Amino acid sequence: MPTFRFETVQFGRTKIVEEELSSADLASPRALEMAHAALVAEDPAGAAHSGSIIKVYDAAGYLVATVNFSDLVPDTSGPRSSSSKAPLEEPGVMRSG
């Protein structure tokens, strides 16, 4: 099985873990699991993790996945504007009508 290197940067410290996964497709879900576990272990609110990140590299050193902890923490900055409630569409897709 291929080996992947997970580099977690939290609070200015880098932690490196190597894991064997059956394919590169599993690297991103595994990084998400690791990020969720780190958020719960350190700060359940997640506020202090805005700069934390996990990068996953394959055996050849190519970046195969990135997880920003800030993407996992809900935005509690305030009410959303009405424009953000519009349904999302694929860019460049024209709707008939």
Protein backbone atom coordinates (compact mmCIF):
# COMPACT_ATOMS: atom_id res chain seq x y z
CA MET A 1 0.00 0.00 0.00
CA PRO A 2 1.18 3.54 -0.73
CA THR A 3 2.48 5.67 2.14
CA PHE A 4 1.22 9.23 2.64
CA ARG A 5 2.76 11.97 4.78
CA PHE A 6 0.32 14.09 6.79
CA GLU A 7 1.84 17.41 7.91
CA THR A 8 -0.28 19.15 10.52
CA VAL A 9 0.62 22.75 11.36
CA GLN A 10 -1.05 23.96 14.56
CA PHE A 11 -0.03 26.96 16.63
CA GLY A 12 3.24 27.26 14.71
CA ARG A 13 4.26 23.64 15.35
CA THR A 14 4.45 20.98 12.66
CA LYS A 15 3.56 17.37 13.37
CA ILE A 16 4.32 14.74 10.72
CA VAL A 17 2.54 11.39 10.58
CA GLU A 18 2.96 8.76 7.88
CA GLU A 19 0.14 6.36 7.10
CA GLU A 20 -0.47 3.68 4.55
CA LEU A 21 -3.68 4.10 2.57
CA SER A 22 -4.98 1.96 -0.27
CA SER A 23 -5.28 4.98 -2.62
CA ALA A 24 -4.82 8.74 -2.85
CA ASP A 25 -8.61 9.11 -2.86
CA LEU A 26 -8.61 8.24 0.84
CA ALA A 27 -6.06 10.92 1.78
CA SER A 28 -8.51 13.83 1.91
CA PRO A 29 -11.16 12.03 4.02
CA ARG A 30 -8.42 10.87 6.41
CA ALA A 31 -7.07 14.43 6.69
CA LEU A 32 -10.60 15.64 7.49
CA GLU A 33 -10.87 13.02 10.25
CA MET A 34 -7.54 14.15 11.68
CA ALA A 35 -8.58 17.81 11.58
CA HIS A 36 -11.90 17.11 13.32
CA ALA A 37 -10.10 15.11 16.01
CA ALA A 38 -7.58 17.94 16.54
CA LEU A 39 -10.36 20.52 16.81
CA VAL A 40 -12.18 18.52 19.46
CA ALA A 41 -9.02 17.68 21.40
CA GLU A 42 -7.63 21.21 21.55
CA ASP A 43 -10.59 23.60 21.49
CA PRO A 44 -14.17 22.45 20.93
CA ALA A 45 -15.13 25.93 19.73
CA GLY A 46 -12.33 25.81 17.17
CA ALA A 47 -11.73 29.56 17.33
CA ALA A 48 -7.99 29.25 17.93
CA HIS A 49 -7.41 27.08 14.86
CA SER A 50 -7.96 29.64 12.13
CA GLY A 51 -4.38 29.25 10.86
CA SER A 52 -4.10 25.49 11.32
CA ILE A 53 -3.77 23.27 8.27
CA ILE A 54 -3.11 19.67 7.23
CA LYS A 55 -1.24 18.96 4.00
CA VAL A 56 -1.00 15.43 2.62
CA TYR A 57 1.84 14.33 0.35
CA ASP A 58 2.28 11.09 -1.54
CA ALA A 59 5.49 9.01 -1.51
CA ALA A 60 6.92 11.05 -4.40
CA GLY A 61 6.37 14.28 -2.46
CA TYR A 62 3.40 15.59 -4.45
CA LEU A 63 0.67 17.44 -2.58
CA VAL A 64 -2.52 15.36 -2.83
CA ALA A 65 -4.81 17.06 -0.27
CA THR A 66 -5.09 20.15 1.93
CA VAL A 67 -7.49 20.76 4.80
CA ASN A 68 -7.78 24.20 6.41
CA PHE A 69 -9.15 23.97 9.93
CA SER A 70 -10.97 27.29 9.41
CA ASP A 71 -13.12 25.60 6.76
CA LEU A 72 -14.39 23.14 9.38
CA VAL A 73 -15.34 25.74 11.99
CA PRO A 74 -18.81 27.28 11.58
CA ASP A 75 -18.87 31.01 10.88
CA THR A 76 -20.37 32.76 13.91
CA SER A 77 -19.44 36.29 12.86
CA GLY A 78 -23.03 37.36 12.36
CA PRO A 79 -26.10 37.07 10.17
CA ARG A 80 -25.61 36.21 6.52
CA SER A 81 -26.61 38.63 3.83
CA SER A 82 -29.60 37.85 1.64
CA SER A 83 -27.35 37.42 -1.41
CA SER A 84 -25.65 34.39 0.17
CA LYS A 85 -29.01 32.59 0.41
CA ALA A 86 -29.36 32.34 -3.36
CA PRO A 87 -29.00 28.83 -4.74
CA LEU A 88 -25.54 28.07 -6.04
CA GLU A 89 -25.13 27.32 -9.72
CA GLU A 90 -22.24 25.91 -11.64
CA PRO A 91 -20.13 28.65 -13.21
CA GLY A 92 -20.75 29.06 -16.90
CA VAL A 93 -24.01 27.12 -16.89
CA MET A 94 -26.86 28.94 -18.61
CA ARG A 95 -30.40 28.31 -17.45
CA SER A 96 -33.18 28.36 -20.01
CA GLY A 97 -36.13 30.59 -19.53
